[in-house]
Amino acid sequence: MSFWNTSDGEDASQTGTEFDVGGGNLEPIPAGAQCLAAIDEAKWDKDGDGNRFISLRWTVLAPEDFKNRKVYQKLWVDDLEPRRLRDKGVEDATKKRDKDKKMLGAIDTNAGGRLGRSESMPTDEAMTAHLTMKPMVVRFEIWEQRNRMTGDVARGNWIGAVSARVSPSDLPPPPKAAPAPQRGGGAVMNDEIPFAPQFL
């Protein structure tokens, strides 16, 4: 059997010059939706200027409508978030760092509380061992950002809150999704967004 044979016997090397896997951009999970989710990746990362933050990748476990969706979260628990520092100053950026430390503390508590027992900064290894694959309830919110060049509005999710694990049947039904903004809409960037793309 050739490497290029698919499970149904087709020859993938004969696909031609075009192929569309389908899918495309998914609409964000509705704002306020509470889902059972778990972190599947936790590590330190840096922005282009070397400022450090914790990067978490969440996978939705339930409800079925959103199962396996991925949402990224940045926690600025070490350096001050550069955009907030630039736009709002040291005091506000320091408050944001404090909020992010409290969010990390709540995530850790829901995951068993092992990181909080140490006064030292958590390592990648410690976060992987103690934060990943620990289901908890996550409340999603939506960020929106307009591309100044094209007028297109990008939308995605951010983590608004975490709480202790519940049974999937105890999750409230997700709120109805708001209609997507039209091209050229005047969406405003929310400064509380811990993870959003940057457009030039």
Protein backbone atom coordinates (compact mmCIF):
# COMPACT_ATOMS: atom_id res chain seq x y z
CA MET A 1 0.00 0.00 0.00
CA SER A 2 1.39 3.40 -1.00
CA PHE A 3 1.78 6.24 1.49
CA TRP A 4 -0.54 8.26 -0.78
CA ASN A 5 -3.46 5.82 -0.54
CA THR A 6 -6.33 7.14 1.57
CA SER A 7 -8.48 4.90 3.77
CA ASP A 8 -11.04 4.55 0.96
CA GLY A 9 -8.40 3.58 -1.64
CA GLU A 10 -8.05 6.93 -3.42
CA ASP A 11 -4.61 8.13 -4.55
CA ALA A 12 -4.04 11.45 -2.73
CA SER A 13 -1.12 12.27 -5.03
CA GLN A 14 -3.68 12.69 -7.84
CA THR A 15 -5.71 15.36 -6.00
CA GLY A 16 -4.67 18.11 -8.42
CA THR A 17 -3.85 21.73 -7.67
CA GLU A 18 -6.87 22.60 -5.53
CA PHE A 19 -8.28 21.14 -2.33
CA ASP A 20 -10.55 22.67 0.30
CA VAL A 21 -10.66 20.97 3.70
CA GLY A 22 -13.92 22.77 4.54
CA GLY A 23 -14.72 24.39 7.81
CA GLY A 24 -13.45 27.94 7.71
CA ASN A 25 -13.81 30.42 10.54
CA LEU A 26 -16.10 29.30 13.32
CA GLU A 27 -18.37 31.76 15.03
CA PRO A 28 -17.18 32.44 18.58
CA ILE A 29 -18.84 30.69 21.50
CA PRO A 30 -21.65 33.06 22.61
CA ALA A 31 -20.72 35.66 25.24
CA GLY A 32 -21.60 34.48 28.74
CA ALA A 33 -21.63 30.79 27.80
CA GLN A 34 -20.39 28.50 30.55
CA CYS A 35 -18.59 25.38 29.36
CA LEU A 36 -16.69 22.54 30.94
CA ALA A 37 -13.11 22.96 29.71
CA ALA A 38 -9.59 21.89 30.52
CA ILE A 39 -6.17 23.37 29.83
CA ASP A 40 -4.19 21.18 27.47
CA GLU A 41 -1.12 23.42 27.17
CA ALA A 42 0.43 25.76 29.74
CA LYS A 43 3.75 27.51 29.24
CA TRP A 44 5.68 30.75 29.50
CA ASP A 45 5.82 32.76 26.28
CA LYS A 46 7.15 36.14 25.14
CA ASP A 47 5.90 38.88 22.87
CA GLY A 48 8.12 40.37 20.15
CA ASP A 49 9.80 42.69 22.68
CA GLY A 50 10.63 39.91 25.14
CA ASN A 51 7.84 40.63 27.65
CA ARG A 52 6.85 37.40 29.44
CA PHE A 53 3.35 36.06 30.00
CA ILE A 54 1.76 32.68 30.68
CA SER A 55 0.04 31.17 27.64
CA LEU A 56 -2.80 28.73 28.31
CA ARG A 57 -4.69 26.75 25.70
CA TRP A 58 -8.16 25.57 26.75
CA THR A 59 -10.16 22.77 25.13
CA VAL A 60 -13.94 22.73 25.57
CA LEU A 61 -15.23 19.37 26.84
CA ALA A 62 -18.96 20.17 27.06
CA PRO A 63 -21.57 21.05 25.90
CA GLU A 64 -21.47 19.03 22.70
CA ASP A 65 -22.15 22.13 20.52
CA PHE A 66 -18.70 23.52 21.38
CA LYS A 67 -16.79 20.31 22.14
CA ASN A 68 -13.10 20.36 21.15
CA ARG A 69 -13.06 24.12 20.47
CA LYS A 70 -9.74 25.75 21.47
CA VAL A 71 -9.43 29.12 23.19
CA TYR A 72 -6.13 30.77 24.12
CA GLN A 73 -5.55 32.85 27.24
CA LYS A 74 -2.65 35.17 28.07
CA LEU A 75 -1.95 35.87 31.72
CA TRP A 76 0.40 38.81 32.27
CA VAL A 77 1.59 37.68 35.71
CA ASP A 78 5.25 38.70 35.36
CA ASP A 79 5.83 41.66 33.02
CA LEU A 80 3.21 44.39 32.62
CA GLU A 81 1.04 44.03 29.52
CA PRO A 82 2.73 46.41 27.03
CA ARG A 83 -0.41 47.73 25.31
CA ARG A 84 -2.11 48.49 28.61
CA LEU A 85 1.07 50.08 29.94
CA ARG A 86 1.31 52.28 26.83
CA ASP A 87 -2.38 53.21 26.66
CA LYS A 88 -3.35 53.48 30.34
CA GLY A 89 -0.17 53.74 32.38
CA VAL A 90 1.67 51.86 35.10
CA GLU A 91 -1.12 51.89 37.70
CA ASP A 92 -3.69 50.33 35.38
CA ALA A 93 -1.18 47.81 33.96
CA THR A 94 -0.26 46.81 37.54
CA LYS A 95 -3.95 46.26 38.39
CA LYS A 96 -4.24 44.07 35.27
CA ARG A 97 -1.26 42.01 36.40
CA ASP A 98 -2.88 41.59 39.82
CA LYS A 99 -6.12 40.41 38.17
CA ASP A 100 -4.20 37.94 36.05
CA LYS A 101 -2.41 36.56 39.15
CA LYS A 102 -5.80 36.09 40.82
CA MET A 103 -7.11 34.33 37.70
CA LEU A 104 -4.07 32.02 37.77
CA GLY A 105 -4.70 31.44 41.48
CA ALA A 106 -8.33 30.45 40.81
CA ILE A 107 -7.31 28.15 37.96
CA ASP A 108 -4.69 26.56 40.20
CA THR A 109 -7.18 26.11 43.06
CA ASN A 110 -9.68 24.44 40.72
CA ALA A 111 -6.85 22.19 39.48
CA GLY A 112 -5.81 21.09 42.99
CA GLY A 113 -3.85 24.07 44.33
CA ARG A 114 -0.33 22.70 43.97
CA LEU A 115 1.25 25.74 42.30
CA GLY A 116 -0.01 28.05 45.05
CA ARG A 117 1.78 26.03 47.72
CA SER A 118 5.09 27.31 46.40
CA GLU A 119 6.12 30.95 46.62
CA SER A 120 8.28 30.65 43.52
CA MET A 121 7.28 31.46 39.96
CA PRO A 122 5.85 28.33 38.30
CA THR A 123 7.90 26.62 35.61
CA ASP A 124 6.57 25.19 32.36
CA GLU A 125 6.98 21.73 33.81
CA ALA A 126 5.07 22.58 36.98
CA MET A 127 2.21 24.20 35.04
CA THR A 128 2.00 21.21 32.70
CA ALA A 129 1.95 18.79 35.62
CA HIS A 130 -0.52 20.68 37.80
CA LEU A 131 -2.81 22.71 35.50
CA THR A 132 -3.38 20.55 32.44
CA MET A 133 -6.22 18.08 32.02
CA LYS A 134 -8.09 19.40 35.08
CA PRO A 135 -11.69 20.13 34.02
CA MET A 136 -13.39 23.24 35.37
CA VAL A 137 -16.16 25.60 34.31
CA VAL A 138 -15.10 28.49 32.09
CA ARG A 139 -17.23 31.49 31.13
CA PHE A 140 -16.48 32.76 27.65
CA GLU A 141 -16.70 36.33 26.43
CA ILE A 142 -16.17 37.75 22.94
CA TRP A 143 -13.52 40.16 21.71
CA GLU A 144 -13.91 42.12 18.49
CA GLN A 145 -11.32 44.09 16.60
CA ARG A 146 -11.65 45.97 13.32
CA ASN A 147 -8.85 45.82 10.78
CA ARG A 148 -8.11 49.46 9.94
CA MET A 149 -6.96 48.54 6.43
CA THR A 150 -9.89 46.36 5.27
CA GLY A 151 -12.67 47.25 7.70
CA ASP A 152 -13.19 43.54 8.40
CA VAL A 153 -14.07 42.65 11.97
CA ALA A 154 -12.27 39.72 13.61
CA ARG A 155 -14.04 38.04 16.53
CA GLY A 156 -12.97 35.41 19.00
CA ASN A 157 -13.31 34.25 22.57
CA TRP A 158 -11.53 35.16 25.77
CA ILE A 159 -11.86 33.69 29.26
CA GLY A 160 -14.03 35.87 31.50
CA ALA A 161 -14.21 33.62 34.57
CA VAL A 162 -13.39 30.18 35.92
CA SER A 163 -15.11 28.14 38.61
CA ALA A 164 -15.17 24.63 40.06
CA ARG A 165 -16.01 21.61 37.92
CA VAL A 166 -19.65 20.57 37.57
CA SER A 167 -21.38 17.77 35.71
CA PRO A 168 -22.02 18.64 32.03
CA SER A 169 -25.76 18.26 32.72
CA ASP A 170 -25.51 21.05 35.34
CA LEU A 171 -24.21 23.62 32.84
CA PRO A 172 -26.72 26.35 31.96
CA PRO A 173 -27.78 26.43 28.30
CA PRO A 174 -25.57 28.74 26.25
CA PRO A 175 -26.97 32.19 25.49
CA LYS A 176 -28.07 32.95 21.96
CA ALA A 177 -25.21 34.13 19.79
CA ALA A 178 -25.21 37.81 18.85
CA PRO A 179 -25.22 38.48 15.11
CA ALA A 180 -21.77 38.84 13.60
CA PRO A 181 -20.78 42.42 12.76
CA GLN A 182 -20.84 43.31 9.08
CA ARG A 183 -17.80 44.30 7.07
CA GLY A 184 -16.76 47.84 7.90
CA GLY A 185 -18.50 47.78 11.29
CA GLY A 186 -17.13 49.97 14.03
CA ALA A 187 -16.24 47.37 16.63
CA VAL A 188 -14.24 48.63 19.57
CA MET A 189 -11.30 46.76 21.04
CA ASN A 190 -11.94 45.85 24.68
CA ASP A 191 -8.91 46.53 26.87
CA GLU A 192 -9.71 43.56 29.09
CA ILE A 193 -8.99 41.09 26.29
CA PRO A 194 -6.18 38.80 27.35
CA PHE A 195 -5.68 37.30 23.89
CA ALA A 196 -6.54 38.93 20.60
CA PRO A 197 -4.79 39.20 17.27
CA GLN A 198 -3.03 42.38 16.33
CA PHE A 199 -3.68 43.95 12.95
CA LEU A 200 -1.30 46.40 11.33
